[in-house]
Structures are given as C-alpha cells and as structure tokens.
C-alpha cells in the first residue's frame, strides 16, 4: 500500500495527522506532542535525528525542525559559523543554524500551505527525508571543521564533492 493510500485527503484532515501516518508507515518512533505537533526520531547514517513538525494555523505553515547534538570543542565556534554560512549558501531548501545554549545543530524548513492547501503524504515524506539528507550531507563538514581542525573551505569540500560508486 502506498503512502497516499494510507491517508484519505479531505478538508478535515489535519496536517499533523498526515505526518503521523507517514511516521507509522515508515515505522519511525514518534510522539504526538499536541494536536498540532509531532516529534520523531529518524535514523541516519551519521546520527539519529530528532525531527519535530508543528502546524501553525495562524500563518498556515507546516514547520519542520531537525536537530542533532553538536558539541564543538572550545574555540571552534568561529569556524563552525563559517561552515554554516557556506552551507546555507548551497542549501536551497531549508537552513541550518547552531543553538549554542542547547548544543544542537538545527535544520529548519517551513512549508506554506495557504488558502486551504493540504500537504499529501508523499510530500510530507519527501520533506522529512530531504531534511535528513541535508543533515547527512553536511554533518561531515561540521565535524571536520570543529573536531578535525580543517578550514571551513576544506571542510565544505566533503559536502560539495559528488560521490561516485559505493564503498
């Protein structure tokens, strides 16, 4: 059964209900935090990512926040922020930021659904997977810059380089 067959689209379907169905279909661990918010854990190659999606009725936006722990050594924040700026220059959907107080790397995206639009299950699935792919793509660059002692420019080469084949 496809994702779209899991959810019956109607005006009464809440966006977070659709997200919940996608999480169940993908067998991701999730918690329906509130009527308009869901949190889940999605396993990646590098990390397990904490993903929260929340529906804002006020501005009709489905907001996604994908986080992972990032505890850079003291004195490396400048190079991390340089890598973040370079990352956001090449990341066309969503944006990264670092929440220093929480020690979290954050990827954010907002899907605007004005005028009563509804995000389909496939669109929600792509949205979540795109967030994980972005985190997976840039995670090595963040690590190389903070823990590996590489420059921001050198660190970004690992994220920008095209991979061919499989290891």
Protein backbone atom coordinates (compact mmCIF):
# COMPACT_ATOMS: atom_id res chain seq x y z
CA UNK A 1 0.00 0.00 0.00
CA UNK A 2 1.39 3.42 -0.94
CA UNK A 3 1.66 6.40 1.36
CA UNK A 4 -1.21 8.20 -0.36
CA UNK A 5 -3.49 5.23 0.24
CA UNK A 6 -2.77 5.47 3.97
CA UNK A 7 -4.33 8.93 4.26
CA UNK A 8 -7.74 9.89 2.96
CA UNK A 9 -7.47 13.51 1.91
CA UNK A 10 -10.28 15.77 2.91
CA UNK A 11 -10.67 19.22 4.33
CA UNK A 12 -10.96 17.68 7.80
CA UNK A 13 -7.54 16.01 7.77
CA UNK A 14 -5.09 17.87 9.97
CA UNK A 15 -1.52 18.22 8.60
CA UNK A 16 -0.08 16.55 11.70
CA UNK A 17 -2.42 13.58 11.16
CA UNK A 18 -0.78 13.13 7.77
CA UNK A 19 2.69 13.35 9.35
CA UNK A 20 1.66 10.77 11.95
CA UNK A 21 0.51 8.38 9.21
CA UNK A 22 3.83 8.81 7.39
CA UNK A 23 5.73 8.10 10.63
CA UNK A 24 3.65 4.96 11.22
CA UNK A 25 4.16 3.84 7.60
CA UNK A 26 7.95 4.34 7.87
CA UNK A 27 7.99 2.76 11.36
CA UNK A 28 9.74 5.75 12.90
CA UNK A 29 9.49 6.26 16.65
CA UNK A 30 7.20 9.23 17.24
CA UNK A 31 5.22 11.03 19.90
CA UNK A 32 2.17 13.18 19.19
CA UNK A 33 3.18 16.03 21.49
CA UNK A 34 -0.03 18.02 20.92
CA UNK A 35 -2.83 18.24 18.37
CA UNK A 36 -0.64 20.47 16.22
CA UNK A 37 2.80 18.97 16.92
CA UNK A 38 4.63 15.66 16.50
CA UNK A 39 8.17 14.63 17.39
CA UNK A 40 10.01 11.67 15.92
CA UNK A 41 13.41 10.03 15.69
CA UNK A 42 14.77 9.14 12.26
CA UNK A 43 17.91 7.06 11.93
CA UNK A 44 20.54 8.31 9.52
CA UNK A 45 23.97 7.07 8.60
CA UNK A 46 25.77 9.54 10.86
CA UNK A 47 23.22 10.24 13.59
CA UNK A 48 19.71 9.68 14.83
CA UNK A 49 17.90 12.91 14.04
CA UNK A 50 15.21 14.42 16.23
CA UNK A 51 12.51 15.83 13.99
CA UNK A 52 9.60 17.96 15.12
CA UNK A 53 6.82 19.09 12.83
CA UNK A 54 4.31 21.66 14.01
CA UNK A 55 1.29 23.15 12.29
CA UNK A 56 0.75 26.90 12.66
CA UNK A 57 -2.88 27.71 11.93
CA UNK A 58 -2.11 31.42 12.12
CA UNK A 59 0.21 31.52 9.11
CA UNK A 60 -0.82 28.16 7.61
CA UNK A 61 2.70 26.76 7.75
CA UNK A 62 3.93 23.26 8.49
CA UNK A 63 7.20 23.86 10.31
CA UNK A 64 9.94 21.26 10.42
CA UNK A 65 12.87 21.34 12.82
CA UNK A 66 15.51 18.62 12.57
CA UNK A 67 18.17 18.61 15.28
CA UNK A 68 21.21 16.65 16.32
CA UNK A 69 23.68 17.12 19.15
CA UNK A 70 26.78 19.11 18.28
CA UNK A 71 29.32 19.78 20.99
CA UNK A 72 32.19 21.56 19.27
CA UNK A 73 35.43 21.96 21.22
CA UNK A 74 36.07 25.32 22.78
CA UNK A 75 37.48 27.82 20.35
CA UNK A 76 35.94 26.31 17.20
CA UNK A 77 32.70 28.27 17.02
CA UNK A 78 34.13 30.78 14.51
CA UNK A 79 34.99 28.04 12.02
CA UNK A 80 31.63 26.34 12.68
CA UNK A 81 29.77 29.57 11.91
CA UNK A 82 31.85 29.98 8.75
CA UNK A 83 30.86 26.45 7.66
CA UNK A 84 27.22 27.23 8.50
CA UNK A 85 27.28 30.32 6.26
CA UNK A 86 28.83 28.33 3.43
CA UNK A 87 26.31 25.52 3.97
CA UNK A 88 23.35 27.87 3.78
CA UNK A 89 24.77 29.33 0.55
CA UNK A 90 24.46 25.92 -1.15
CA UNK A 91 21.41 24.57 0.68
CA UNK A 92 18.43 25.76 -1.37
CA UNK A 93 15.65 24.38 0.78
CA UNK A 94 15.78 24.94 4.49
CA UNK A 95 18.57 26.47 6.53
CA UNK A 96 20.98 25.43 9.25
CA UNK A 97 21.75 27.20 12.48
CA UNK A 98 23.53 26.30 15.70
CA UNK A 99 21.80 26.69 19.07
CA UNK A 100 24.79 27.17 21.32
CA UNK A 101 22.92 27.06 24.64
CA UNK A 102 21.32 23.70 23.78
CA UNK A 103 24.41 22.40 21.92
CA UNK A 104 22.24 21.49 18.93
CA UNK A 105 22.69 21.78 15.21
CA UNK A 106 19.33 22.72 13.70
CA UNK A 107 17.90 22.39 10.21
CA UNK A 108 14.66 24.35 9.69
CA UNK A 109 12.10 24.42 6.92
CA UNK A 110 8.61 25.85 6.60
CA UNK A 111 6.07 24.51 4.12
CA UNK A 112 3.48 27.22 3.48
CA UNK A 113 0.00 25.83 2.80
CA UNK A 114 -2.12 28.96 2.48
CA UNK A 115 -5.62 29.00 1.10
CA UNK A 116 -6.58 25.62 2.50
CA UNK A 117 -3.91 23.64 0.67
CA UNK A 118 -3.12 20.21 2.04
CA UNK A 119 0.27 18.52 2.04
CA UNK A 120 -0.03 14.99 0.75
CA UNK A 121 1.64 12.03 2.43
CA UNK A 122 4.25 11.80 -0.32
CA UNK A 123 5.10 15.48 0.09
CA UNK A 124 5.47 15.09 3.86
CA UNK A 125 7.65 12.01 3.33
CA UNK A 126 9.87 13.92 0.88
CA UNK A 127 10.04 16.86 3.30
CA UNK A 128 11.27 14.69 6.18
CA UNK A 129 13.69 12.70 4.04
CA UNK A 130 15.09 15.88 2.48
CA UNK A 131 15.82 17.22 5.97
CA UNK A 132 17.66 14.03 6.90
CA UNK A 133 19.57 14.03 3.60
CA UNK A 134 20.67 17.63 4.17
CA UNK A 135 21.87 16.81 7.68
CA UNK A 136 23.67 13.71 6.41
CA UNK A 137 25.30 15.70 3.62
CA UNK A 138 26.69 18.46 5.83
CA UNK A 139 27.37 16.56 9.06
CA UNK A 140 30.89 15.53 7.95
CA UNK A 141 31.73 19.16 7.11
CA UNK A 142 30.62 20.33 10.56
CA UNK A 143 32.71 17.59 12.18
CA UNK A 144 35.80 18.23 10.06
CA UNK A 145 35.72 21.94 10.87
CA UNK A 146 35.20 21.56 14.61
CA UNK A 147 36.89 18.29 15.55
CA UNK A 148 39.24 17.79 12.61
CA UNK A 149 40.84 21.21 12.65
CA UNK A 150 40.16 21.80 8.94
CA UNK A 151 39.35 25.19 7.48
CA UNK A 152 35.75 25.95 6.56
CA UNK A 153 36.66 25.85 2.88
CA UNK A 154 38.35 22.45 3.15
CA UNK A 155 35.52 21.08 5.28
CA UNK A 156 32.93 22.07 2.71
CA UNK A 157 34.68 20.07 0.01
CA UNK A 158 33.41 16.85 1.56
CA UNK A 159 29.82 18.10 1.34
CA UNK A 160 30.10 19.58 -2.13
CA UNK A 161 32.03 16.74 -3.79
CA UNK A 162 29.96 14.33 -5.85
CA UNK A 163 30.25 10.76 -4.67
CA UNK A 164 30.53 8.06 -7.28
CA UNK A 165 30.03 4.37 -6.58
CA UNK A 166 29.72 2.72 -3.20
CA UNK A 167 32.23 1.84 -0.55
